[in-house]
């Protein structure tokens, strides 16, 4: 089974990012370099994901994800690994 990624207008994606199936990225969002968006992640309008950040499977991102952090859940919150 193949999945798709839905992307809104004016989205910017940095280098070497991994964006998995069933991800939704709303318009004007900015994704930095070397980020990972796991399956089913949802980003609201104008969200910023800074470099080297990870968004967990099925997470709903409502605000900026800082550089090098991992977020998970609904709403997405920082987790320590």
PDB file of N, CA and C in Angstrom:
ATOM      1  N   UNK A   1       0.839  -1.182   0.000  1.00  0.00           N
ATOM      2  CA  UNK A   1       0.000   0.000   0.000  1.00  0.00           C
ATOM      3  C   UNK A   1       0.880   1.240   0.000  1.00  0.00           C
ATOM      4  N   UNK A   2       0.566   2.165  -0.860  1.00  0.00           N
ATOM      5  CA  UNK A   2       1.323   3.392  -0.923  1.00  0.00           C
ATOM      6  C   UNK A   2       0.592   4.496  -0.187  1.00  0.00           C
ATOM      7  N   UNK A   3       1.359   5.372   0.456  1.00  0.00           N
ATOM      8  CA  UNK A   3       0.778   6.515   1.142  1.00  0.00           C
ATOM      9  C   UNK A   3       1.160   7.791   0.422  1.00  0.00           C
ATOM     10  N   UNK A   4       0.494   8.845   0.782  1.00  0.00           N
ATOM     11  CA  UNK A   4       0.796  10.116   0.149  1.00  0.00           C
ATOM     12  C   UNK A   4       1.065  11.173   1.207  1.00  0.00           C
ATOM     13  N   UNK A   5       1.690  12.244   0.776  1.00  0.00           N
ATOM     14  CA  UNK A   5       1.932  13.410   1.616  1.00  0.00           C
ATOM     15  C   UNK A   5       1.128  14.543   1.019  1.00  0.00           C
ATOM     16  N   UNK A   6       0.380  15.259   1.862  1.00  0.00           N
ATOM     17  CA  UNK A   6      -0.406  16.402   1.403  1.00  0.00           C
ATOM     18  C   UNK A   6       0.305  17.662   1.869  1.00  0.00           C
ATOM     19  N   UNK A   7       0.527  18.574   0.939  1.00  0.00           N
ATOM     20  CA  UNK A   7       1.289  19.768   1.234  1.00  0.00           C
ATOM     21  C   UNK A   7       0.546  20.995   0.720  1.00  0.00           C
ATOM     22  N   UNK A   8       0.429  22.009   1.577  1.00  0.00           N
ATOM     23  CA  UNK A   8      -0.233  23.247   1.206  1.00  0.00           C
ATOM     24  C   UNK A   8       0.679  24.177   0.410  1.00  0.00           C
ATOM     25  N   UNK A   9       0.207  25.389   0.208  1.00  0.00           N
ATOM     26  CA  UNK A   9       0.926  26.397  -0.565  1.00  0.00           C
ATOM     27  C   UNK A   9       2.127  26.951   0.193  1.00  0.00           C
ATOM     28  N   UNK A  10       3.144  27.371  -0.533  1.00  0.00           N
ATOM     29  CA  UNK A  10       4.309  28.082   0.004  1.00  0.00           C
ATOM     30  C   UNK A  10       5.024  27.350   1.132  1.00  0.00           C
ATOM     31  N   UNK A  11       5.083  26.039   1.063  1.00  0.00           N
ATOM     32  CA  UNK A  11       5.818  25.244   2.053  1.00  0.00           C
ATOM     33  C   UNK A  11       7.287  25.204   1.651  1.00  0.00           C
ATOM     34  N   UNK A  12       8.170  25.333   2.640  1.00  0.00           N
ATOM     35  CA  UNK A  12       9.612  25.277   2.399  1.00  0.00           C
ATOM     36  C   UNK A  12      10.193  24.083   3.152  1.00  0.00           C
ATOM     37  N   UNK A  13      10.930  23.226   2.434  1.00  0.00           N
ATOM     38  CA  UNK A  13      11.522  22.041   3.037  1.00  0.00           C
ATOM     39  C   UNK A  13      13.027  22.079   2.809  1.00  0.00           C
ATOM     40  N   UNK A  14      13.798  21.932   3.904  1.00  0.00           N
ATOM     41  CA  UNK A  14      15.254  21.976   3.831  1.00  0.00           C
ATOM     42  C   UNK A  14      15.848  20.707   3.234  1.00  0.00           C
ATOM     43  N   UNK A  15      17.158  20.604   3.316  1.00  0.00           N
ATOM     44  CA  UNK A  15      17.897  19.482   2.744  1.00  0.00           C
ATOM     45  C   UNK A  15      17.854  18.254   3.649  1.00  0.00           C
ATOM     46  N   UNK A  16      17.868  17.081   3.026  1.00  0.00           N
ATOM     47  CA  UNK A  16      18.004  15.787   3.694  1.00  0.00           C
ATOM     48  C   UNK A  16      16.917  15.511   4.733  1.00  0.00           C
ATOM     49  N   UNK A  17      15.687  15.907   4.439  1.00  0.00           N
ATOM     50  CA  UNK A  17      14.559  15.637   5.329  1.00  0.00           C
ATOM     51  C   UNK A  17      13.917  14.298   4.961  1.00  0.00           C
ATOM     52  N   UNK A  18      13.298  13.662   5.945  1.00  0.00           N
ATOM     53  CA  UNK A  18      12.553  12.429   5.717  1.00  0.00           C
ATOM     54  C   UNK A  18      11.102  12.698   6.093  1.00  0.00           C
ATOM     55  N   UNK A  19      10.232  12.632   5.099  1.00  0.00           N
ATOM     56  CA  UNK A  19       8.810  12.888   5.319  1.00  0.00           C
ATOM     57  C   UNK A  19       8.065  11.614   4.956  1.00  0.00           C
ATOM     58  N   UNK A  20       7.487  10.974   5.966  1.00  0.00           N
ATOM     59  CA  UNK A  20       6.854   9.671   5.779  1.00  0.00           C
ATOM     60  C   UNK A  20       5.404   9.788   5.307  1.00  0.00           C
ATOM     61  N   UNK A  21       4.825   8.654   4.965  1.00  0.00           N
ATOM     62  CA  UNK A  21       3.470   8.563   4.415  1.00  0.00           C
ATOM     63  C   UNK A  21       2.415   9.186   5.320  1.00  0.00           C
ATOM     64  N   UNK A  22       1.364   9.671   4.691  1.00  0.00           N
ATOM     65  CA  UNK A  22       0.164  10.197   5.343  1.00  0.00           C
ATOM     66  C   UNK A  22       0.421  11.452   6.167  1.00  0.00           C
ATOM     67  N   UNK A  23       1.499  12.162   5.870  1.00  0.00           N
ATOM     68  CA  UNK A  23       1.806  13.418   6.549  1.00  0.00           C
ATOM     69  C   UNK A  23       1.051  14.552   5.871  1.00  0.00           C
ATOM     70  N   UNK A  24       0.568  15.505   6.675  1.00  0.00           N
ATOM     71  CA  UNK A  24      -0.111  16.694   6.166  1.00  0.00           C
ATOM     72  C   UNK A  24       0.667  17.924   6.621  1.00  0.00           C
ATOM     73  N   UNK A  25       1.062  18.756   5.673  1.00  0.00           N
ATOM     74  CA  UNK A  25       1.810  19.980   5.971  1.00  0.00           C
ATOM     75  C   UNK A  25       0.996  21.153   5.433  1.00  0.00           C
ATOM     76  N   UNK A  26       0.449  21.978   6.336  1.00  0.00           N
ATOM     77  CA  UNK A  26      -0.384  23.105   5.921  1.00  0.00           C
ATOM     78  C   UNK A  26       0.474  24.224   5.319  1.00  0.00           C
ATOM     79  N   UNK A  27      -0.179  25.128   4.625  1.00  0.00           N
ATOM     80  CA  UNK A  27       0.481  26.204   3.911  1.00  0.00           C
ATOM     81  C   UNK A  27       1.395  27.080   4.756  1.00  0.00           C
ATOM     82  N   UNK A  28       2.428  27.589   4.112  1.00  0.00           N
ATOM     83  CA  UNK A  28       3.412  28.515   4.681  1.00  0.00           C
ATOM     84  C   UNK A  28       4.242  27.912   5.808  1.00  0.00           C
ATOM     85  N   UNK A  29       4.266  26.597   5.930  1.00  0.00           N
ATOM     86  CA  UNK A  29       5.106  25.952   6.937  1.00  0.00           C
ATOM     87  C   UNK A  29       6.548  25.901   6.449  1.00  0.00           C
ATOM     88  N   UNK A  30       7.480  25.919   7.404  1.00  0.00           N
ATOM     89  CA  UNK A  30       8.907  25.885   7.084  1.00  0.00           C
ATOM     90  C   UNK A  30       9.539  24.719   7.836  1.00  0.00           C
ATOM     91  N   UNK A  31      10.185  23.827   7.090  1.00  0.00           N
ATOM     92  CA  UNK A  31      10.842  22.665   7.669  1.00  0.00           C
ATOM     93  C   UNK A  31      12.335  22.819   7.397  1.00  0.00           C
ATOM     94  N   UNK A  32      13.126  22.763   8.464  1.00  0.00           N
ATOM     95  CA  UNK A  32      14.576  22.964   8.351  1.00  0.00           C
ATOM     96  C   UNK A  32      15.280  21.765   7.735  1.00  0.00           C
ATOM     97  N   UNK A  33      16.587  21.751   7.869  1.00  0.00           N
ATOM     98  CA  UNK A  33      17.425  20.684   7.329  1.00  0.00           C
ATOM     99  C   UNK A  33      17.438  19.470   8.252  1.00  0.00           C
ATOM    100  N   UNK A  34      17.538  18.298   7.665  1.00  0.00           N
ATOM    101  CA  UNK A  34      17.686  17.018   8.366  1.00  0.00           C
ATOM    102  C   UNK A  34      16.577  16.756   9.396  1.00  0.00           C
ATOM    103  N   UNK A  35      15.359  17.119   9.057  1.00  0.00           N
ATOM    104  CA  UNK A  35      14.209  16.874   9.934  1.00  0.00           C
ATOM    105  C   UNK A  35      13.538  15.561   9.549  1.00  0.00           C
ATOM    106  N   UNK A  36      12.835  14.973  10.512  1.00  0.00           N
ATOM    107  CA  UNK A  36      12.070  13.758  10.256  1.00  0.00           C
ATOM    108  C   UNK A  36      10.622  14.008  10.674  1.00  0.00           C
ATOM    109  N   UNK A  37       9.703  13.795   9.727  1.00  0.00           N
ATOM    110  CA  UNK A  37       8.278  13.851  10.018  1.00  0.00           C
ATOM    111  C   UNK A  37       7.766  12.423   9.833  1.00  0.00           C
ATOM    112  N   UNK A  38       7.439  11.773  10.936  1.00  0.00           N
ATOM    113  CA  UNK A  38       7.004  10.385  10.873  1.00  0.00           C
ATOM    114  C   UNK A  38       5.565  10.267  10.378  1.00  0.00           C
ATOM    115  N   UNK A  39       5.166   9.050  10.048  1.00  0.00           N
ATOM    116  CA  UNK A  39       3.879   8.775   9.419  1.00  0.00           C
ATOM    117  C   UNK A  39       2.711   9.410  10.171  1.00  0.00           C
ATOM    118  N   UNK A  40       1.843  10.064   9.419  1.00  0.00           N
ATOM    119  CA  UNK A  40       0.622  10.629   9.979  1.00  0.00           C
ATOM    120  C   UNK A  40       0.792  11.939  10.726  1.00  0.00           C
ATOM    121  N   UNK A  41       1.965  12.532  10.689  1.00  0.00           N
ATOM    122  CA  UNK A  41       2.175  13.822  11.353  1.00  0.00           C
ATOM    123  C   UNK A  41       1.323  14.887  10.683  1.00  0.00           C
ATOM    124  N   UNK A  42       0.862  15.851  11.476  1.00  0.00           N
ATOM    125  CA  UNK A  42       0.037  16.959  10.982  1.00  0.00           C
ATOM    126  C   UNK A  42       0.641  18.270  11.446  1.00  0.00           C
ATOM    127  N   UNK A  43       0.880  19.190  10.526  1.00  0.00           N
ATOM    128  CA  UNK A  43       1.412  20.512  10.854  1.00  0.00           C
ATOM    129  C   UNK A  43       0.374  21.553  10.484  1.00  0.00           C
ATOM    130  N   UNK A  44       0.015  22.436  11.437  1.00  0.00           N
ATOM    131  CA  UNK A  44      -0.957  23.478  11.123  1.00  0.00           C
ATOM    132  C   UNK A  44      -0.284  24.582  10.315  1.00  0.00           C
ATOM    133  N   UNK A  45      -1.085  25.512   9.839  1.00  0.00           N
ATOM    134  CA  UNK A  45      -0.634  26.640   9.028  1.00  0.00           C
ATOM    135  C   UNK A  45       0.539  27.383   9.664  1.00  0.00           C
ATOM    136  N   UNK A  46       1.555  27.684   8.865  1.00  0.00           N
ATOM    137  CA  UNK A  46       2.712  28.514   9.241  1.00  0.00           C
ATOM    138  C   UNK A  46       3.555  27.930  10.374  1.00  0.00           C
ATOM    139  N   UNK A  47       3.572  26.629  10.507  1.00  0.00           N
ATOM    140  CA  UNK A  47       4.395  25.973  11.525  1.00  0.00           C
ATOM    141  C   UNK A  47       5.858  25.997  11.109  1.00  0.00           C
ATOM    142  N   UNK A  48       6.748  26.134  12.089  1.00  0.00           N
ATOM    143  CA  UNK A  48       8.181  26.091  11.814  1.00  0.00           C
ATOM    144  C   UNK A  48       8.806  24.907  12.550  1.00  0.00           C
ATOM    145  N   UNK A  49       9.500  24.061  11.792  1.00  0.00           N
ATOM    146  CA  UNK A  49      10.234  22.931  12.343  1.00  0.00           C
ATOM    147  C   UNK A  49      11.709  23.246  12.111  1.00  0.00           C
ATOM    148  N   UNK A  50      12.460  23.471  13.177  1.00  0.00           N
ATOM    149  CA  UNK A  50      13.866  23.855  13.034  1.00  0.00           C
ATOM    150  C   UNK A  50      14.744  22.641  12.719  1.00  0.00           C
ATOM    151  N   UNK A  51      15.994  22.887  12.338  1.00  0.00           N
ATOM    152  CA  UNK A  51      16.935  21.850  11.923  1.00  0.00           C
ATOM    153  C   UNK A  51      17.029  20.693  12.926  1.00  0.00           C
ATOM    154  N   UNK A  52      17.187  19.486  12.390  1.00  0.00           N
ATOM    155  CA  UNK A  52      17.433  18.261  13.163  1.00  0.00           C
ATOM    156  C   UNK A  52      16.323  17.911  14.144  1.00  0.00           C
ATOM    157  N   UNK A  53      15.112  18.368  13.913  1.00  0.00           N
ATOM    158  CA  UNK A  53      13.978  18.047  14.781  1.00  0.00           C
ATOM    159  C   UNK A  53      13.266  16.797  14.263  1.00  0.00           C
ATOM    160  N   UNK A  54      12.582  16.111  15.190  1.00  0.00           N
ATOM    161  CA  UNK A  54      11.827  14.909  14.847  1.00  0.00           C
ATOM    162  C   UNK A  54      10.390  15.085  15.339  1.00  0.00           C
ATOM    163  N   UNK A  55       9.432  14.793  14.457  1.00  0.00           N
ATOM    164  CA  UNK A  55       8.016  14.828  14.810  1.00  0.00           C
ATOM    165  C   UNK A  55       7.523  13.386  14.806  1.00  0.00           C
ATOM    166  N   UNK A  56       7.000  12.937  15.945  1.00  0.00           N
ATOM    167  CA  UNK A  56       6.568  11.554  16.110  1.00  0.00           C
ATOM    168  C   UNK A  56       5.354  11.188  15.288  1.00  0.00           C
ATOM    169  N   UNK A  57       5.155   9.903  15.147  1.00  0.00           N
ATOM    170  CA  UNK A  57       4.054   9.337  14.377  1.00  0.00           C
ATOM    171  C   UNK A  57       2.697   9.822  14.901  1.00  0.00           C
ATOM    172  N   UNK A  58       1.862  10.354  14.012  1.00  0.00           N
ATOM    173  CA  UNK A  58       0.524  10.792  14.367  1.00  0.00           C
ATOM    174  C   UNK A  58       0.445  12.075  15.173  1.00  0.00           C
ATOM    175  N   UNK A  59       1.548  12.775  15.313  1.00  0.00           N
ATOM    176  CA  UNK A  59       1.562  13.999  16.125  1.00  0.00           C
ATOM    177  C   UNK A  59       0.893  15.166  15.407  1.00  0.00           C
ATOM    178  N   UNK A  60       0.307  16.068  16.199  1.00  0.00           N
ATOM    179  CA  UNK A  60      -0.306  17.276  15.666  1.00  0.00           C
ATOM    180  C   UNK A  60       0.503  18.461  16.195  1.00  0.00           C
ATOM    181  N   UNK A  61       1.214  19.123  15.295  1.00  0.00           N
ATOM    182  CA  UNK A  61       2.120  20.209  15.679  1.00  0.00           C
ATOM    183  C   UNK A  61       1.377  21.542  15.608  1.00  0.00           C
ATOM    184  N   UNK A  62       1.281  22.216  16.748  1.00  0.00           N
ATOM    185  CA  UNK A  62       0.558  23.480  16.843  1.00  0.00           C
ATOM    186  C   UNK A  62       1.476  24.692  16.968  1.00  0.00           C
ATOM    187  N   UNK A  63       2.752  24.464  17.276  1.00  0.00           N
ATOM    188  CA  UNK A  63       3.692  25.582  17.444  1.00  0.00           C
ATOM    189  C   UNK A  63       5.084  25.166  16.989  1.00  0.00           C
ATOM    190  N   UNK A  64       6.014  26.093  17.020  1.00  0.00           N
ATOM    191  CA  UNK A  64       7.374  25.856  16.546  1.00  0.00           C
ATOM    192  C   UNK A  64       8.028  24.697  17.297  1.00  0.00           C
ATOM    193  N   UNK A  65       8.758  23.861  16.537  1.00  0.00           N
ATOM    194  CA  UNK A  65       9.553  22.792  17.122  1.00  0.00           C
ATOM    195  C   UNK A  65      11.005  23.245  17.054  1.00  0.00           C
ATOM    196  N   UNK A  66      11.631  23.371  18.214  1.00  0.00           N
ATOM    197  CA  UNK A  66      12.992  23.901  18.289  1.00  0.00           C
ATOM    198  C   UNK A  66      14.027  22.918  17.765  1.00  0.00           C
ATOM    199  N   UNK A  67      15.152  23.478  17.375  1.00  0.00           N
ATOM    200  CA  UNK A  67      16.268  22.732  16.806  1.00  0.00           C
ATOM    201  C   UNK A  67      16.669  21.545  17.681  1.00  0.00           C
ATOM    202  N   UNK A  68      16.787  20.371  17.049  1.00  0.00           N
ATOM    203  CA  UNK A  68      17.297  19.186  17.718  1.00  0.00           C
ATOM    204  C   UNK A  68      16.360  18.518  18.705  1.00  0.00           C
ATOM    205  N   UNK A  69      15.094  18.905  18.743  1.00  0.00           N
ATOM    206  CA  UNK A  69      14.168  18.302  19.701  1.00  0.00           C
ATOM    207  C   UNK A  69      13.266  17.273  19.022  1.00  0.00           C
ATOM    208  N   UNK A  70      12.671  16.424  19.844  1.00  0.00           N
ATOM    209  CA  UNK A  70      11.700  15.438  19.392  1.00  0.00           C
ATOM    210  C   UNK A  70      10.376  15.749  20.054  1.00  0.00           C
ATOM    211  N   UNK A  71       9.316  15.792  19.256  1.00  0.00           N
ATOM    212  CA  UNK A  71       7.975  16.038  19.786  1.00  0.00           C
ATOM    213  C   UNK A  71       7.075  14.877  19.412  1.00  0.00           C
ATOM    214  N   UNK A  72       6.051  14.654  20.266  1.00  0.00           N
ATOM    215  CA  UNK A  72       5.128  13.548  20.036  1.00  0.00           C
ATOM    216  C   UNK A  72       3.793  13.860  20.699  1.00  0.00           C
ATOM    217  N   UNK A  73       2.711  13.426  20.074  1.00  0.00           N
ATOM    218  CA  UNK A  73       1.391  13.517  20.687  1.00  0.00           C
ATOM    219  C   UNK A  73       0.459  14.500  20.022  1.00  0.00           C
ATOM    220  N   UNK A  74      -0.722  14.652  20.640  1.00  0.00           N
ATOM    221  CA  UNK A  74      -1.742  15.569  20.163  1.00  0.00           C
ATOM    222  C   UNK A  74      -2.298  16.347  21.355  1.00  0.00           C
ATOM    223  N   UNK A  75      -1.853  17.585  21.519  1.00  0.00           N
ATOM    224  CA  UNK A  75      -0.890  18.323  20.703  1.00  0.00           C
ATOM    225  C   UNK A  75       0.533  17.828  20.944  1.00  0.00           C
ATOM    226  N   UNK A  76       1.392  18.052  19.964  1.00  0.00           N
ATOM    227  CA  UNK A  76       2.788  17.593  20.047  1.00  0.00           C
ATOM    228  C   UNK A  76       3.514  18.312  21.184  1.00  0.00           C
ATOM    229  N   UNK A  77       4.197  17.525  22.008  1.00  0.00           N
ATOM    230  CA  UNK A  77       4.990  18.057  23.119  1.00  0.00           C
ATOM    231  C   UNK A  77       6.382  17.421  23.076  1.00  0.00           C
ATOM    232  N   UNK A  78       7.326  18.140  23.632  1.00  0.00           N
ATOM    233  CA  UNK A  78       8.710  17.670  23.653  1.00  0.00           C
ATOM    234  C   UNK A  78       8.822  16.406  24.500  1.00  0.00           C
ATOM    235  N   UNK A  79       9.585  15.447  23.976  1.00  0.00           N
ATOM    236  CA  UNK A  79       9.872  14.219  24.715  1.00  0.00           C
ATOM    237  C   UNK A  79      11.375  14.012  24.788  1.00  0.00           C
ATOM    238  N   UNK A  80      11.834  13.405  25.857  1.00  0.00           N
ATOM    239  CA  UNK A  80      13.254  13.076  26.021  1.00  0.00           C
ATOM    240  C   UNK A  80      13.462  11.620  25.656  1.00  0.00           C
ATOM    241  N   UNK A  81      14.443  11.363  24.827  1.00  0.00           N
ATOM    242  CA  UNK A  81      14.747   9.982  24.443  1.00  0.00           C
ATOM    243  C   UNK A  81      16.066   9.550  25.020  1.00  0.00           C
TER     244      UNK A  81
END
